[in-house]
């Protein structure tokens, strides 16, 4: 488990919140872009891309 030392907890929380905020901004923007590019089957293409990203992220996780 990753734990920040007490003197940098504020910094770690600030960085985490910044990343969450960026993801909440970029998610709909990228989703709209993909839907616009793949107008024939927008729901299917969004599902395929999100599945692929999920698989990629799951491969990056180290479970002890």
PDB file of N, CA and C in Angstrom:
ATOM      1  N   UNK A   1       0.842  -1.171   0.000  1.00  0.00           N
ATOM      2  CA  UNK A   1       0.000   0.000   0.000  1.00  0.00           C
ATOM      3  C   UNK A   1       0.892   1.241   0.000  1.00  0.00           C
ATOM      4  N   UNK A   2       0.518   2.223  -0.766  1.00  0.00           N
ATOM      5  CA  UNK A   2       1.276   3.468  -0.810  1.00  0.00           C
ATOM      6  C   UNK A   2       0.707   4.435   0.221  1.00  0.00           C
ATOM      7  N   UNK A   3       1.569   4.907   1.096  1.00  0.00           N
ATOM      8  CA  UNK A   3       1.158   5.859   2.125  1.00  0.00           C
ATOM      9  C   UNK A   3       2.119   7.032   2.082  1.00  0.00           C
ATOM     10  N   UNK A   4       1.566   8.233   2.079  1.00  0.00           N
ATOM     11  CA  UNK A   4       2.405   9.425   2.072  1.00  0.00           C
ATOM     12  C   UNK A   4       2.803   9.780   3.498  1.00  0.00           C
ATOM     13  N   UNK A   5       4.027  10.263   3.669  1.00  0.00           N
ATOM     14  CA  UNK A   5       4.423  10.746   4.991  1.00  0.00           C
ATOM     15  C   UNK A   5       3.536  11.924   5.399  1.00  0.00           C
ATOM     16  N   UNK A   6       3.346  12.127   6.685  1.00  0.00           N
ATOM     17  CA  UNK A   6       2.437  13.193   7.146  1.00  0.00           C
ATOM     18  C   UNK A   6       2.757  14.578   6.601  1.00  0.00           C
ATOM     19  N   UNK A   7       4.029  14.864   6.341  1.00  0.00           N
ATOM     20  CA  UNK A   7       4.377  16.217   5.888  1.00  0.00           C
ATOM     21  C   UNK A   7       3.998  16.491   4.436  1.00  0.00           C
ATOM     22  N   UNK A   8       3.679  15.457   3.655  1.00  0.00           N
ATOM     23  CA  UNK A   8       3.310  15.674   2.255  1.00  0.00           C
ATOM     24  C   UNK A   8       1.897  15.193   1.928  1.00  0.00           C
ATOM     25  N   UNK A   9       1.090  14.925   2.949  1.00  0.00           N
ATOM     26  CA  UNK A   9      -0.276  14.458   2.704  1.00  0.00           C
ATOM     27  C   UNK A   9      -1.080  15.508   1.942  1.00  0.00           C
ATOM     28  N   UNK A  10      -0.937  16.767   2.302  1.00  0.00           N
ATOM     29  CA  UNK A  10      -1.653  17.831   1.593  1.00  0.00           C
ATOM     30  C   UNK A  10      -1.284  17.902   0.126  1.00  0.00           C
ATOM     31  N   UNK A  11      -0.001  17.783  -0.162  1.00  0.00           N
ATOM     32  CA  UNK A  11       0.464  17.797  -1.544  1.00  0.00           C
ATOM     33  C   UNK A  11      -0.084  16.599  -2.317  1.00  0.00           C
ATOM     34  N   UNK A  12      -0.041  15.419  -1.692  1.00  0.00           N
ATOM     35  CA  UNK A  12      -0.542  14.208  -2.351  1.00  0.00           C
ATOM     36  C   UNK A  12      -2.039  14.331  -2.635  1.00  0.00           C
ATOM     37  N   UNK A  13      -2.795  14.852  -1.675  1.00  0.00           N
ATOM     38  CA  UNK A  13      -4.234  15.027  -1.896  1.00  0.00           C
ATOM     39  C   UNK A  13      -4.507  16.049  -2.993  1.00  0.00           C
ATOM     40  N   UNK A  14      -3.723  17.111  -3.042  1.00  0.00           N
ATOM     41  CA  UNK A  14      -3.895  18.117  -4.083  1.00  0.00           C
ATOM     42  C   UNK A  14      -3.616  17.561  -5.468  1.00  0.00           C
ATOM     43  N   UNK A  15      -2.562  16.772  -5.591  1.00  0.00           N
ATOM     44  CA  UNK A  15      -2.237  16.162  -6.877  1.00  0.00           C
ATOM     45  C   UNK A  15      -3.331  15.180  -7.293  1.00  0.00           C
ATOM     46  N   UNK A  16      -3.809  14.382  -6.340  1.00  0.00           N
ATOM     47  CA  UNK A  16      -4.868  13.417  -6.650  1.00  0.00           C
ATOM     48  C   UNK A  16      -6.139  14.128  -7.114  1.00  0.00           C
ATOM     49  N   UNK A  17      -6.515  15.198  -6.449  1.00  0.00           N
ATOM     50  CA  UNK A  17      -7.716  15.929  -6.842  1.00  0.00           C
ATOM     51  C   UNK A  17      -7.541  16.597  -8.199  1.00  0.00           C
ATOM     52  N   UNK A  18      -6.337  17.065  -8.499  1.00  0.00           N
ATOM     53  CA  UNK A  18      -6.080  17.661  -9.812  1.00  0.00           C
ATOM     54  C   UNK A  18      -6.222  16.627 -10.924  1.00  0.00           C
ATOM     55  N   UNK A  19      -5.735  15.419 -10.680  1.00  0.00           N
ATOM     56  CA  UNK A  19      -5.846  14.354 -11.682  1.00  0.00           C
ATOM     57  C   UNK A  19      -7.312  13.966 -11.883  1.00  0.00           C
ATOM     58  N   UNK A  20      -8.066  13.879 -10.793  1.00  0.00           N
ATOM     59  CA  UNK A  20      -9.489  13.547 -10.899  1.00  0.00           C
ATOM     60  C   UNK A  20     -10.226  14.630 -11.677  1.00  0.00           C
ATOM     61  N   UNK A  21      -9.921  15.880 -11.398  1.00  0.00           N
ATOM     62  CA  UNK A  21     -10.562  16.985 -12.103  1.00  0.00           C
ATOM     63  C   UNK A  21     -10.233  16.969 -13.590  1.00  0.00           C
ATOM     64  N   UNK A  22      -8.995  16.688 -13.922  1.00  0.00           N
ATOM     65  CA  UNK A  22      -8.593  16.598 -15.327  1.00  0.00           C
ATOM     66  C   UNK A  22      -9.311  15.456 -16.029  1.00  0.00           C
ATOM     67  N   UNK A  23      -9.431  14.322 -15.352  1.00  0.00           N
ATOM     68  CA  UNK A  23     -10.126  13.184 -15.952  1.00  0.00           C
ATOM     69  C   UNK A  23     -11.605  13.488 -16.170  1.00  0.00           C
ATOM     70  N   UNK A  24     -12.218  14.200 -15.233  1.00  0.00           N
ATOM     71  CA  UNK A  24     -13.634  14.561 -15.398  1.00  0.00           C
ATOM     72  C   UNK A  24     -13.845  15.550 -16.533  1.00  0.00           C
ATOM     73  N   UNK A  25     -12.820  16.314 -16.867  1.00  0.00           N
ATOM     74  CA  UNK A  25     -12.909  17.228 -17.998  1.00  0.00           C
ATOM     75  C   UNK A  25     -12.650  16.494 -19.315  1.00  0.00           C
ATOM     76  N   UNK A  26     -11.598  15.681 -19.333  1.00  0.00           N
ATOM     77  CA  UNK A  26     -11.195  15.037 -20.580  1.00  0.00           C
ATOM     78  C   UNK A  26     -12.113  13.891 -20.989  1.00  0.00           C
ATOM     79  N   UNK A  27     -12.744  13.223 -20.043  1.00  0.00           N
ATOM     80  CA  UNK A  27     -13.610  12.093 -20.365  1.00  0.00           C
ATOM     81  C   UNK A  27     -14.715  12.448 -21.344  1.00  0.00           C
ATOM     82  N   UNK A  28     -15.553  13.432 -21.026  1.00  0.00           N
ATOM     83  CA  UNK A  28     -16.614  13.794 -21.973  1.00  0.00           C
ATOM     84  C   UNK A  28     -16.091  14.374 -23.291  1.00  0.00           C
ATOM     85  N   UNK A  29     -14.984  15.102 -23.227  1.00  0.00           N
ATOM     86  CA  UNK A  29     -14.412  15.664 -24.454  1.00  0.00           C
ATOM     87  C   UNK A  29     -13.967  14.538 -25.390  1.00  0.00           C
ATOM     88  N   UNK A  30     -13.231  13.568 -24.847  1.00  0.00           N
ATOM     89  CA  UNK A  30     -12.772  12.456 -25.678  1.00  0.00           C
ATOM     90  C   UNK A  30     -13.935  11.571 -26.121  1.00  0.00           C
ATOM     91  N   UNK A  31     -14.917  11.381 -25.254  1.00  0.00           N
ATOM     92  CA  UNK A  31     -16.094  10.597 -25.632  1.00  0.00           C
ATOM     93  C   UNK A  31     -16.867  11.247 -26.772  1.00  0.00           C
ATOM     94  N   UNK A  32     -17.015  12.555 -26.718  1.00  0.00           N
ATOM     95  CA  UNK A  32     -17.685  13.267 -27.807  1.00  0.00           C
ATOM     96  C   UNK A  32     -16.909  13.200 -29.104  1.00  0.00           C
ATOM     97  N   UNK A  33     -15.593  13.284 -28.997  1.00  0.00           N
ATOM     98  CA  UNK A  33     -14.754  13.194 -30.184  1.00  0.00           C
ATOM     99  C   UNK A  33     -14.875  11.818 -30.837  1.00  0.00           C
ATOM    100  N   UNK A  34     -14.831  10.768 -30.023  1.00  0.00           N
ATOM    101  CA  UNK A  34     -14.946   9.412 -30.559  1.00  0.00           C
ATOM    102  C   UNK A  34     -16.328   9.214 -31.179  1.00  0.00           C
ATOM    103  N   UNK A  35     -17.369   9.715 -30.524  1.00  0.00           N
ATOM    104  CA  UNK A  35     -18.720   9.575 -31.076  1.00  0.00           C
ATOM    105  C   UNK A  35     -18.847  10.292 -32.413  1.00  0.00           C
ATOM    106  N   UNK A  36     -18.204  11.446 -32.529  1.00  0.00           N
ATOM    107  CA  UNK A  36     -18.279  12.203 -33.773  1.00  0.00           C
ATOM    108  C   UNK A  36     -17.514  11.504 -34.890  1.00  0.00           C
ATOM    109  N   UNK A  37     -16.376  10.914 -34.558  1.00  0.00           N
ATOM    110  CA  UNK A  37     -15.565  10.243 -35.574  1.00  0.00           C
ATOM    111  C   UNK A  37     -16.195   8.941 -36.059  1.00  0.00           C
ATOM    112  N   UNK A  38     -16.921   8.284 -35.215  1.00  0.00           N
ATOM    113  CA  UNK A  38     -17.486   6.971 -35.537  1.00  0.00           C
ATOM    114  C   UNK A  38     -19.014   7.061 -35.505  1.00  0.00           C
ATOM    115  N   UNK A  39     -19.582   7.863 -36.379  1.00  0.00           N
ATOM    116  CA  UNK A  39     -21.025   8.119 -36.325  1.00  0.00           C
ATOM    117  C   UNK A  39     -21.863   6.903 -36.714  1.00  0.00           C
ATOM    118  N   UNK A  40     -21.295   5.923 -37.400  1.00  0.00           N
ATOM    119  CA  UNK A  40     -22.084   4.770 -37.801  1.00  0.00           C
ATOM    120  C   UNK A  40     -22.566   3.992 -36.581  1.00  0.00           C
ATOM    121  N   UNK A  41     -21.680   3.733 -35.642  1.00  0.00           N
ATOM    122  CA  UNK A  41     -22.021   2.986 -34.424  1.00  0.00           C
ATOM    123  C   UNK A  41     -21.349   3.652 -33.225  1.00  0.00           C
ATOM    124  N   UNK A  42     -21.832   4.833 -32.801  1.00  0.00           N
ATOM    125  CA  UNK A  42     -21.119   5.554 -31.734  1.00  0.00           C
ATOM    126  C   UNK A  42     -21.107   4.816 -30.400  1.00  0.00           C
ATOM    127  N   UNK A  43     -22.202   4.177 -30.031  1.00  0.00           N
ATOM    128  CA  UNK A  43     -22.232   3.478 -28.740  1.00  0.00           C
ATOM    129  C   UNK A  43     -21.274   2.296 -28.749  1.00  0.00           C
ATOM    130  N   UNK A  44     -21.245   1.571 -29.850  1.00  0.00           N
ATOM    131  CA  UNK A  44     -20.358   0.414 -29.950  1.00  0.00           C
ATOM    132  C   UNK A  44     -18.896   0.836 -29.926  1.00  0.00           C
ATOM    133  N   UNK A  45     -18.567   1.893 -30.647  1.00  0.00           N
ATOM    134  CA  UNK A  45     -17.170   2.333 -30.670  1.00  0.00           C
ATOM    135  C   UNK A  45     -16.744   2.860 -29.310  1.00  0.00           C
ATOM    136  N   UNK A  46     -17.626   3.578 -28.602  1.00  0.00           N
ATOM    137  CA  UNK A  46     -17.297   4.045 -27.258  1.00  0.00           C
ATOM    138  C   UNK A  46     -17.081   2.870 -26.320  1.00  0.00           C
ATOM    139  N   UNK A  47     -17.914   1.835 -26.427  1.00  0.00           N
ATOM    140  CA  UNK A  47     -17.756   0.654 -25.585  1.00  0.00           C
ATOM    141  C   UNK A  47     -16.437  -0.054 -25.878  1.00  0.00           C
ATOM    142  N   UNK A  48     -16.096  -0.176 -27.144  1.00  0.00           N
ATOM    143  CA  UNK A  48     -14.853  -0.859 -27.497  1.00  0.00           C
ATOM    144  C   UNK A  48     -13.635  -0.101 -26.984  1.00  0.00           C
ATOM    145  N   UNK A  49     -13.642   1.205 -27.122  1.00  0.00           N
ATOM    146  CA  UNK A  49     -12.508   2.001 -26.661  1.00  0.00           C
ATOM    147  C   UNK A  49     -12.409   1.969 -25.144  1.00  0.00           C
ATOM    148  N   UNK A  50     -13.535   2.110 -24.441  1.00  0.00           N
ATOM    149  CA  UNK A  50     -13.479   2.078 -22.979  1.00  0.00           C
ATOM    150  C   UNK A  50     -13.060   0.696 -22.478  1.00  0.00           C
ATOM    151  N   UNK A  51     -13.483  -0.367 -23.150  1.00  0.00           N
ATOM    152  CA  UNK A  51     -13.050  -1.709 -22.769  1.00  0.00           C
ATOM    153  C   UNK A  51     -11.549  -1.867 -22.965  1.00  0.00           C
ATOM    154  N   UNK A  52     -11.047  -1.394 -24.090  1.00  0.00           N
ATOM    155  CA  UNK A  52      -9.617  -1.481 -24.347  1.00  0.00           C
ATOM    156  C   UNK A  52      -8.796  -0.707 -23.322  1.00  0.00           C
ATOM    157  N   UNK A  53      -9.254   0.482 -22.955  1.00  0.00           N
ATOM    158  CA  UNK A  53      -8.555   1.256 -21.932  1.00  0.00           C
ATOM    159  C   UNK A  53      -8.623   0.571 -20.575  1.00  0.00           C
ATOM    160  N   UNK A  54      -9.741  -0.048 -20.271  1.00  0.00           N
ATOM    161  CA  UNK A  54      -9.871  -0.770 -19.004  1.00  0.00           C
ATOM    162  C   UNK A  54      -8.917  -1.943 -18.934  1.00  0.00           C
ATOM    163  N   UNK A  55      -8.810  -2.689 -20.019  1.00  0.00           N
ATOM    164  CA  UNK A  55      -7.883  -3.822 -20.055  1.00  0.00           C
ATOM    165  C   UNK A  55      -6.452  -3.321 -19.886  1.00  0.00           C
ATOM    166  N   UNK A  56      -6.109  -2.242 -20.560  1.00  0.00           N
ATOM    167  CA  UNK A  56      -4.768  -1.670 -20.439  1.00  0.00           C
ATOM    168  C   UNK A  56      -4.473  -1.266 -19.001  1.00  0.00           C
ATOM    169  N   UNK A  57      -5.420  -0.600 -18.352  1.00  0.00           N
ATOM    170  CA  UNK A  57      -5.210  -0.160 -16.977  1.00  0.00           C
ATOM    171  C   UNK A  57      -5.115  -1.333 -16.019  1.00  0.00           C
ATOM    172  N   UNK A  58      -5.905  -2.368 -16.227  1.00  0.00           N
ATOM    173  CA  UNK A  58      -5.850  -3.534 -15.352  1.00  0.00           C
ATOM    174  C   UNK A  58      -4.503  -4.248 -15.465  1.00  0.00           C
ATOM    175  N   UNK A  59      -3.891  -4.209 -16.652  1.00  0.00           N
ATOM    176  CA  UNK A  59      -2.580  -4.818 -16.827  1.00  0.00           C
ATOM    177  C   UNK A  59      -1.490  -4.047 -16.086  1.00  0.00           C
ATOM    178  N   UNK A  60      -1.731  -2.781 -15.809  1.00  0.00           N
ATOM    179  CA  UNK A  60      -0.735  -1.939 -15.135  1.00  0.00           C
ATOM    180  C   UNK A  60      -0.747  -2.121 -13.612  1.00  0.00           C
ATOM    181  N   UNK A  61      -1.762  -2.782 -13.076  1.00  0.00           N
ATOM    182  CA  UNK A  61      -1.915  -2.927 -11.623  1.00  0.00           C
ATOM    183  C   UNK A  61      -1.084  -4.118 -11.145  1.00  0.00           C
ATOM    184  N   UNK A  62      -0.285  -3.871 -10.114  1.00  0.00           N
ATOM    185  CA  UNK A  62       0.475  -4.948  -9.470  1.00  0.00           C
ATOM    186  C   UNK A  62      -0.251  -5.364  -8.207  1.00  0.00           C
ATOM    187  N   UNK A  63      -0.681  -6.599  -8.170  1.00  0.00           N
ATOM    188  CA  UNK A  63      -1.349  -7.132  -6.986  1.00  0.00           C
ATOM    189  C   UNK A  63      -0.330  -7.971  -6.237  1.00  0.00           C
ATOM    190  N   UNK A  64      -0.025  -7.583  -4.993  1.00  0.00           N
ATOM    191  CA  UNK A  64       1.004  -8.326  -4.251  1.00  0.00           C
ATOM    192  C   UNK A  64       0.554  -9.735  -3.867  1.00  0.00           C
TER     193      UNK A  64
END
